[in-house]
Amino acid sequence: MMNNRDRIGRCLDLLKQGLYPYFEQRMKEAYGGQWLSQAEKALSKDATLKRTFEDTLKEDISVILNIINKRWEKVFKPHLSSVERALVSELIDIRNKWAHQVTFLTEDTYRALDSMSRLLNAIGATEQETLINQHKQEILKRLLQEQSRPDQSQISGEESSVREGLKELMEKIPFQDARLLKRALTHRTYVFENPTQTQGDNEQLEFLGDSVLNFLAGDYLYEQYSHRRDEGELTRRRSNLVDNSQFSQFAIQLNLGEWMQLGRGEELQGGRTKPSLLSNTFEAVIGAYYLDSGIEAVRELIKPFFESVDTATVDSHIPQPNLIDPKGRLQNLAQINNLPLPEYVLVDETGNDHDKTFEVQVIINGEFYGEGTGKKKKEAEKQAAIDALRRWDFL
């Protein structure tokens, strides 16, 4: 198993690969043909280089980060925010600690990888960001496992108590460690009000669960449709499987709302039936179950849910839950597929003032996706969104 220091070293190398092209581009924009000499001037006079300066730039992430820091005002400030400058400073410190053989705790490693990922995201280096996020997920899994190990003398009594309280839910999801399930059901508002009664909230488990569900959705579709070559169709189907509105429906089927631990304010605001909270809690439970029982157990649990959604997708009738907010659903799907937000264009208006009929088309990225009519503009827009979802094979 890769230790924390080796993982940071590998990710620093990925950071260098993603950052250098951006660094070179911005320096050339600012200094033209003099960019190399200007970069070298930014280094400390005491710096000793074993290679040519250009080779050093391409190989040493420390040099790149320090020059970005020194040339921030003139070169990088117009393109990046103060958040990215803080990340650069933090990463200089991380790299120095790594070079001096400092021991990294798991929590420190997660923070270091998160900072690298955020900087790469800001400059659009998606390939390296994705690879670092894979390392980040491994560290998150280890971190959650470490945090879930309480005093051994307390395990027996606490586990027994939690297991009894969650008995009905555990008949549906057979956790080995009931405390992991309890944490997955714990919202941050509950932790804020009861800091000594919990092992933490479910946000990190939610992040992990989201990744697990995305992987299993792709795996399910590959297994079901390996004979199909239309990648676009499979992508659309995967987006449908991992849509937040679907997750909230899965949570309702498992009755997770009854078991969630919420703060008093969230409880009073109807948190137990709030779709976003239900969706997030479902992701957290999946993340916890993955840590507890492994990927095959999660696959077995989630497959019936995926099958129900996939069957509804190809059915000719429109499932009722999908009609609740078709415009919001269409917008969410557009964002998932990295498309601009839908635009609703009024193309016709007929009838007398007291009895008008409106015709609306929905346009995404300059292309026609659907149309609808109604006695009100909003109704016509809703029907256009439903038509687009049908054409896009999401209803």
Protein backbone atom coordinates (compact mmCIF):
# COMPACT_ATOMS: atom_id res chain seq x y z
CA MET A 1 0.00 0.00 0.00
CA MET A 2 1.31 3.45 -0.92
CA ASN A 3 2.22 5.52 2.14
CA ASN A 4 1.10 9.13 2.56
CA ARG A 5 4.43 10.71 1.65
CA ASP A 6 4.78 8.66 -1.54
CA ARG A 7 1.22 9.55 -2.53
CA ILE A 8 1.91 13.26 -2.04
CA GLY A 9 5.06 12.91 -4.15
CA ARG A 10 3.14 11.26 -6.95
CA CYS A 11 0.45 13.94 -6.83
CA LEU A 12 3.02 16.75 -6.81
CA ASP A 13 4.30 15.27 -10.06
CA LEU A 14 0.74 15.34 -11.48
CA LEU A 15 0.40 18.93 -10.29
CA LYS A 16 3.59 19.82 -12.18
CA GLN A 17 2.28 18.19 -15.37
CA GLY A 18 -0.97 20.13 -15.19
CA LEU A 19 0.45 23.45 -14.03
CA TYR A 20 3.46 23.88 -16.32
CA PRO A 21 1.55 24.45 -19.62
CA TYR A 22 -0.65 27.04 -17.92
CA PHE A 23 2.37 28.69 -16.29
CA GLU A 24 4.24 28.90 -19.61
CA GLN A 25 1.20 30.31 -21.42
CA ARG A 26 0.62 33.10 -18.90
CA MET A 27 4.31 34.02 -18.70
CA LYS A 28 4.53 34.26 -22.51
CA GLU A 29 1.42 36.45 -22.60
CA ALA A 30 3.02 38.82 -20.09
CA TYR A 31 6.65 38.85 -21.26
CA GLY A 32 6.70 37.45 -24.79
CA GLY A 33 10.10 36.15 -25.82
CA GLN A 34 11.63 37.34 -22.53
CA TRP A 35 9.51 35.07 -20.37
CA LEU A 36 12.30 32.64 -19.46
CA SER A 37 14.66 35.38 -18.32
CA GLN A 38 11.86 37.03 -16.33
CA ALA A 39 11.05 33.72 -14.70
CA GLU A 40 14.69 33.19 -13.77
CA LYS A 41 14.91 36.68 -12.26
CA ALA A 42 12.07 35.78 -9.92
CA LEU A 43 14.17 33.05 -8.28
CA SER A 44 16.30 33.71 -5.25
CA LYS A 45 19.89 34.62 -6.10
CA ASP A 46 20.96 31.85 -3.74
CA ALA A 47 19.13 29.18 -5.72
CA THR A 48 21.46 26.62 -7.28
CA LEU A 49 20.32 24.72 -10.34
CA LYS A 50 21.76 21.39 -11.41
CA ARG A 51 20.22 21.62 -14.91
CA THR A 52 19.45 24.34 -17.39
CA PHE A 53 16.80 26.72 -16.14
CA GLU A 54 14.22 25.61 -18.72
CA ASP A 55 14.72 21.95 -17.81
CA THR A 56 14.42 22.84 -14.13
CA LEU A 57 11.13 24.62 -14.77
CA LYS A 58 9.68 21.56 -16.46
CA GLU A 59 10.85 19.19 -13.72
CA ASP A 60 10.59 21.08 -10.42
CA ILE A 61 7.14 22.00 -9.11
CA SER A 62 8.75 24.07 -6.35
CA VAL A 63 10.32 26.43 -8.89
CA ILE A 64 7.03 26.86 -10.77
CA LEU A 65 5.06 27.59 -7.59
CA ASN A 66 7.63 30.08 -6.30
CA ILE A 67 7.71 31.99 -9.59
CA ILE A 68 3.90 32.13 -9.67
CA ASN A 69 4.04 33.59 -6.17
CA LYS A 70 6.70 36.16 -7.12
CA ARG A 71 5.04 37.18 -10.40
CA TRP A 72 1.49 37.10 -9.07
CA GLU A 73 0.59 40.78 -9.43
CA LYS A 74 1.72 41.23 -13.04
CA VAL A 75 1.09 37.80 -14.54
CA PHE A 76 -1.40 35.67 -12.63
CA LYS A 77 -3.65 37.99 -10.64
CA PRO A 78 -5.74 38.99 -13.72
CA HIS A 79 -6.65 35.33 -14.28
CA LEU A 80 -6.86 33.79 -10.80
CA SER A 81 -8.38 34.80 -7.48
CA SER A 82 -6.93 35.30 -4.01
CA VAL A 83 -8.09 31.76 -3.21
CA GLU A 84 -5.69 30.35 -5.81
CA ARG A 85 -2.86 32.51 -4.46
CA ALA A 86 -3.46 31.06 -1.01
CA LEU A 87 -3.40 27.58 -2.53
CA VAL A 88 -0.05 28.32 -4.21
CA SER A 89 1.44 29.42 -0.87
CA GLU A 90 0.06 26.35 0.86
CA LEU A 91 1.44 24.04 -1.82
CA ILE A 92 4.90 25.61 -1.56
CA ASP A 93 4.85 24.69 2.13
CA ILE A 94 3.58 21.17 1.41
CA ARG A 95 6.27 20.57 -1.19
CA ASN A 96 8.99 21.80 1.21
CA LYS A 97 7.76 19.48 3.97
CA TRP A 98 7.69 16.61 1.50
CA ALA A 99 11.26 17.38 0.38
CA HIS A 100 12.44 17.43 4.02
CA GLN A 101 10.97 13.99 4.76
CA VAL A 102 8.26 15.31 7.10
CA THR A 103 5.68 12.69 8.11
CA PHE A 104 2.19 13.35 6.76
CA LEU A 105 -0.84 12.24 8.74
CA THR A 106 -3.79 10.97 6.70
CA GLU A 107 -5.76 14.15 7.41
CA ASP A 108 -2.79 16.29 6.25
CA THR A 109 -2.50 14.19 3.10
CA TYR A 110 -6.18 14.65 2.26
CA ARG A 111 -5.88 18.42 2.67
CA ALA A 112 -2.74 18.51 0.50
CA LEU A 113 -4.39 16.56 -2.31
CA ASP A 114 -7.53 18.67 -2.04
CA SER A 115 -5.47 21.85 -2.47
CA MET A 116 -3.74 20.41 -5.56
CA SER A 117 -7.09 19.38 -7.02
CA ARG A 118 -8.61 22.82 -6.45
CA LEU A 119 -5.69 24.62 -8.10
CA LEU A 120 -5.81 22.31 -11.12
CA ASN A 121 -9.56 22.85 -11.36
CA ALA A 122 -9.05 26.62 -11.39
CA ILE A 123 -6.68 26.44 -14.37
CA GLY A 124 -8.70 23.84 -16.28
CA ALA A 125 -6.20 20.97 -16.03
CA THR A 126 -8.95 18.35 -15.89
CA GLU A 127 -6.87 15.27 -16.71
CA GLN A 128 -4.46 15.76 -13.82
CA GLU A 129 -7.29 16.92 -11.53
CA THR A 130 -9.15 13.66 -12.20
CA LEU A 131 -6.09 11.56 -11.40
CA ILE A 132 -5.44 13.43 -8.16
CA ASN A 133 -9.10 13.06 -7.19
CA GLN A 134 -8.68 9.29 -7.52
CA HIS A 135 -5.84 9.44 -4.99
CA LYS A 136 -7.97 11.74 -2.87
CA GLN A 137 -10.78 9.18 -2.74
CA GLU A 138 -8.35 6.50 -1.55
CA ILE A 139 -7.14 8.81 1.22
CA LEU A 140 -10.71 9.73 2.14
CA LYS A 141 -11.55 6.05 2.51
CA ARG A 142 -8.55 5.55 4.81
CA LEU A 143 -9.39 8.70 6.77
CA LEU A 144 -12.97 7.61 7.36
CA GLN A 145 -11.79 4.19 8.49
CA GLU A 146 -9.40 5.79 10.98
CA GLN A 147 -12.08 8.15 12.29
CA SER A 148 -14.50 5.27 12.75
CA ARG A 149 -12.26 3.47 15.26
CA PRO A 150 -13.33 4.56 18.75
CA ASP A 151 -11.92 3.35 22.05
CA GLN A 152 -12.08 -0.45 21.88
CA SER A 153 -13.42 -0.62 25.44
CA GLN A 154 -16.51 1.30 24.32
CA ILE A 155 -17.22 -0.54 21.08
CA SER A 156 -19.29 -3.42 22.43
CA GLY A 157 -21.84 -1.36 24.36
CA GLU A 158 -22.07 1.44 21.80
CA GLU A 159 -22.37 -0.92 18.84
CA SER A 160 -25.11 -2.88 20.56
CA SER A 161 -27.08 0.26 21.37
CA VAL A 162 -26.78 1.69 17.85
CA ARG A 163 -27.65 -1.64 16.26
CA GLU A 164 -30.81 -1.89 18.34
CA GLY A 165 -31.86 1.65 17.42
CA LEU A 166 -31.35 1.05 13.69
CA LYS A 167 -32.60 -2.54 13.66
CA GLU A 168 -35.37 -2.00 11.09
CA LEU A 169 -33.12 -0.14 8.64
CA MET A 170 -30.32 -2.68 9.04
CA GLU A 171 -32.69 -5.41 7.90
CA LYS A 172 -32.69 -3.63 4.52
CA ILE A 173 -28.99 -2.69 4.56
CA PRO A 174 -27.03 -5.27 6.61
CA PHE A 175 -24.14 -3.20 7.97
CA GLN A 176 -21.45 -5.01 9.93
CA ASP A 177 -20.58 -1.79 11.82
CA ALA A 178 -23.79 -0.03 12.83
CA ARG A 179 -21.83 3.05 13.93
CA LEU A 180 -20.87 3.73 10.31
CA LEU A 181 -24.54 3.69 9.33
CA LYS A 182 -25.37 6.04 12.21
CA ARG A 183 -22.74 8.50 11.02
CA ALA A 184 -24.09 8.32 7.46
CA LEU A 185 -27.47 9.43 8.82
CA THR A 186 -26.05 12.34 10.83
CA HIS A 187 -26.48 15.82 9.35
CA ARG A 188 -24.04 18.60 10.25
CA THR A 189 -26.81 20.54 12.04
CA TYR A 190 -27.17 17.67 14.52
CA VAL A 191 -23.42 17.60 15.15
CA PHE A 192 -23.44 21.36 15.77
CA GLU A 193 -26.12 20.99 18.44
CA ASN A 194 -24.79 17.71 19.90
CA PRO A 195 -20.99 17.84 19.49
CA THR A 196 -20.23 15.25 22.20
CA GLN A 197 -22.80 12.69 21.07
CA THR A 198 -21.51 11.92 17.58
CA GLN A 199 -18.41 10.79 15.68
CA GLY A 200 -18.93 13.48 13.03
CA ASP A 201 -21.33 14.34 10.24
CA ASN A 202 -21.95 12.55 6.95
CA GLU A 203 -20.43 15.02 4.45
CA GLN A 204 -17.26 13.05 3.71
CA LEU A 205 -19.28 9.86 3.39
CA GLU A 206 -21.57 11.71 0.97
CA PHE A 207 -18.57 12.61 -1.21
CA LEU A 208 -17.40 9.00 -1.22
CA GLY A 209 -20.89 7.67 -1.94
CA ASP A 210 -21.28 9.99 -4.92
CA SER A 211 -18.10 8.55 -6.44
CA VAL A 212 -19.17 4.96 -5.76
CA LEU A 213 -22.60 5.52 -7.32
CA ASN A 214 -21.11 7.11 -10.43
CA PHE A 215 -18.79 4.14 -10.86
CA LEU A 216 -21.54 1.57 -10.33
CA ALA A 217 -23.89 3.39 -12.73
CA GLY A 218 -21.28 3.17 -15.48
CA ASP A 219 -20.57 -0.45 -14.61
CA TYR A 220 -24.29 -1.32 -14.67
CA LEU A 221 -24.81 0.27 -18.09
CA TYR A 222 -21.73 -1.40 -19.54
CA GLU A 223 -23.06 -4.77 -18.38
CA GLN A 224 -26.58 -4.11 -19.69
CA TYR A 225 -25.69 -2.42 -22.99
CA SER A 226 -22.24 -3.68 -23.94
CA HIS A 227 -23.61 -4.40 -27.43
CA ARG A 228 -24.37 -0.72 -28.02
CA ARG A 229 -21.77 1.68 -29.38
CA ASP A 230 -23.67 4.94 -28.89
CA GLU A 231 -21.60 6.56 -26.15
CA GLY A 232 -23.91 9.58 -26.06
CA GLU A 233 -26.91 7.43 -25.24
CA LEU A 234 -25.04 5.61 -22.47
CA THR A 235 -23.89 8.93 -21.04
CA ARG A 236 -27.47 10.18 -20.96
CA ARG A 237 -28.65 7.00 -19.29
CA ARG A 238 -25.89 7.25 -16.68
CA SER A 239 -26.85 10.86 -15.96
CA ASN A 240 -30.40 9.67 -15.37
CA LEU A 241 -29.29 6.93 -12.97
CA VAL A 242 -27.23 9.31 -10.83
CA ASP A 243 -29.64 12.24 -10.90
CA ASN A 244 -30.25 13.71 -7.43
CA SER A 245 -34.01 13.43 -7.84
CA GLN A 246 -33.57 9.68 -8.34
CA PHE A 247 -31.42 9.43 -5.22
CA SER A 248 -34.10 11.18 -3.17
CA GLN A 249 -36.63 8.64 -4.47
CA PHE A 250 -34.29 5.79 -3.50
CA ALA A 251 -34.00 7.33 -0.02
CA ILE A 252 -37.79 7.45 0.28
CA GLN A 253 -38.02 3.77 -0.69
CA LEU A 254 -35.56 2.96 2.12
CA ASN A 255 -37.43 5.32 4.47
CA LEU A 256 -34.16 7.11 5.30
CA GLY A 257 -36.03 10.27 6.32
CA GLU A 258 -37.26 8.53 9.45
CA TRP A 259 -33.72 7.67 10.56
CA MET A 260 -31.86 10.91 9.78
CA GLN A 261 -30.35 12.79 12.72
CA LEU A 262 -31.11 16.49 12.18
CA GLY A 263 -30.70 19.67 14.17
CA ARG A 264 -33.88 21.18 15.60
CA GLY A 265 -33.98 24.00 13.04
CA GLU A 266 -33.59 21.64 10.09
CA GLU A 267 -36.23 19.36 11.60
CA LEU A 268 -38.72 22.24 11.90
CA GLN A 269 -38.08 23.24 8.27
CA GLY A 270 -39.18 19.82 7.03
CA GLY A 271 -35.72 18.35 6.57
CA ARG A 272 -36.95 14.76 6.74
CA THR A 273 -38.84 15.20 3.47
CA LYS A 274 -36.51 17.68 1.76
CA PRO A 275 -35.32 16.12 -1.55
CA SER A 276 -31.79 17.54 -1.31
CA LEU A 277 -31.26 16.16 2.20
CA LEU A 278 -32.70 12.79 1.25
CA SER A 279 -30.43 12.61 -1.80
CA ASN A 280 -27.33 13.58 0.20
CA THR A 281 -28.15 11.08 2.94
CA PHE A 282 -28.61 8.30 0.41
CA GLU A 283 -25.15 9.05 -1.02
CA ALA A 284 -23.68 9.04 2.50
CA VAL A 285 -25.28 5.67 3.31
CA ILE A 286 -23.84 4.22 0.10
CA GLY A 287 -20.39 5.59 0.98
CA ALA A 288 -20.62 4.09 4.46
CA TYR A 289 -21.83 0.73 3.15
CA TYR A 290 -18.90 0.66 0.72
CA LEU A 291 -16.46 1.15 3.61
CA ASP A 292 -18.31 -1.40 5.71
CA SER A 293 -18.96 -4.24 3.28
CA GLY A 294 -17.18 -3.50 -0.01
CA ILE A 295 -18.15 -2.75 -3.59
CA GLU A 296 -19.96 -6.05 -4.30
CA ALA A 297 -22.36 -5.53 -1.40
CA VAL A 298 -23.15 -2.02 -2.65
CA ARG A 299 -23.60 -3.34 -6.20
CA GLU A 300 -26.14 -5.90 -4.96
CA LEU A 301 -28.01 -3.23 -2.98
CA ILE A 302 -28.15 -0.62 -5.74
CA LYS A 303 -28.86 -2.82 -8.76
CA PRO A 304 -32.65 -3.06 -8.20
CA PHE A 305 -32.83 0.73 -7.92
CA PHE A 306 -30.90 1.20 -11.16
CA GLU A 307 -33.08 -1.39 -12.90
CA SER A 308 -36.27 0.42 -11.87
CA VAL A 309 -34.99 3.74 -13.24
CA ASP A 310 -33.61 2.20 -16.43
CA THR A 311 -36.88 0.38 -17.10
CA ALA A 312 -38.84 3.60 -16.59
CA THR A 313 -36.51 5.38 -19.01
CA VAL A 314 -37.42 3.15 -21.92
CA ASP A 315 -41.10 2.87 -20.97
CA SER A 316 -43.58 4.76 -23.10
CA HIS A 317 -45.39 6.30 -20.14
CA ILE A 318 -43.95 9.14 -18.07
CA PRO A 319 -43.30 8.20 -14.44
CA GLN A 320 -45.12 10.62 -12.15
CA PRO A 321 -42.06 11.74 -10.08
CA ASN A 322 -40.41 13.07 -13.26
CA LEU A 323 -43.32 15.51 -13.80
CA ILE A 324 -42.79 17.36 -10.53
CA ASP A 325 -40.19 19.80 -11.88
CA PRO A 326 -39.35 19.06 -15.53
CA LYS A 327 -37.62 22.43 -16.06
CA GLY A 328 -35.37 21.89 -13.06
CA ARG A 329 -34.69 18.33 -14.14
CA LEU A 330 -33.76 19.43 -17.65
CA GLN A 331 -31.47 22.14 -16.27
CA ASN A 332 -29.76 19.62 -14.00
CA LEU A 333 -29.20 17.19 -16.86
CA ALA A 334 -27.77 19.95 -19.05
CA GLN A 335 -25.28 20.86 -16.31
CA ILE A 336 -24.31 17.22 -15.77
CA ASN A 337 -23.53 16.96 -19.50
CA ASN A 338 -21.53 20.23 -19.47
CA LEU A 339 -24.07 22.08 -21.62
CA PRO A 340 -25.32 25.67 -21.24
CA LEU A 341 -28.56 26.22 -19.34
CA PRO A 342 -31.78 25.71 -21.35
CA GLU A 343 -33.36 28.79 -22.96
CA TYR A 344 -37.14 29.02 -23.41
CA VAL A 345 -38.10 30.96 -26.54
CA LEU A 346 -41.66 32.13 -27.25
CA VAL A 347 -42.26 31.31 -30.93
CA ASP A 348 -46.01 31.89 -31.27
CA GLU A 349 -48.91 33.48 -29.44
CA THR A 350 -52.47 32.97 -30.68
CA GLY A 351 -56.02 33.69 -29.51
CA ASN A 352 -57.84 36.59 -27.88
CA ASP A 353 -56.43 38.44 -24.89
CA HIS A 354 -58.65 36.46 -22.50
CA ASP A 355 -57.93 33.10 -24.13
CA LYS A 356 -54.35 33.01 -25.42
CA THR A 357 -52.30 29.97 -26.33
CA PHE A 358 -48.52 30.17 -26.11
CA GLU A 359 -46.02 28.04 -28.03
CA VAL A 360 -42.50 27.77 -26.62
CA GLN A 361 -39.35 26.02 -27.80
CA VAL A 362 -36.49 25.01 -25.50
CA ILE A 363 -33.01 25.65 -26.92
CA ILE A 364 -29.77 24.26 -25.47
CA ASN A 365 -26.40 25.31 -26.84
CA GLY A 366 -28.14 26.82 -29.87
CA GLU A 367 -29.97 23.59 -30.75
CA PHE A 368 -33.69 22.77 -30.63
CA TYR A 369 -34.54 20.23 -27.92
CA GLY A 370 -38.31 20.40 -27.51
CA GLU A 371 -41.51 22.41 -27.79
CA GLY A 372 -44.74 22.83 -25.87
CA THR A 373 -47.98 24.80 -25.75
CA GLY A 374 -50.11 26.09 -22.90
CA LYS A 375 -52.57 28.73 -21.80
CA LYS A 376 -49.78 30.36 -19.81
CA LYS A 377 -46.14 30.87 -20.73
CA LYS A 378 -44.97 28.88 -17.72
CA GLU A 379 -47.18 25.95 -18.68
CA ALA A 380 -45.85 26.07 -22.26
CA GLU A 381 -42.28 26.12 -20.92
CA LYS A 382 -43.05 23.13 -18.69
CA GLN A 383 -44.47 21.18 -21.63
CA ALA A 384 -41.42 22.10 -23.73
CA ALA A 385 -39.15 20.77 -20.97
CA ILE A 386 -41.15 17.52 -20.83
CA ASP A 387 -40.89 17.19 -24.61
CA ALA A 388 -37.12 17.76 -24.42
CA LEU A 389 -36.77 15.13 -21.70
CA ARG A 390 -38.72 12.68 -23.87
CA ARG A 391 -36.57 13.39 -26.91
CA TRP A 392 -33.44 13.11 -24.76
CA ASP A 393 -34.71 9.73 -23.56
CA PHE A 394 -34.91 10.74 -19.88
CA LEU A 395 -38.64 10.13 -19.48
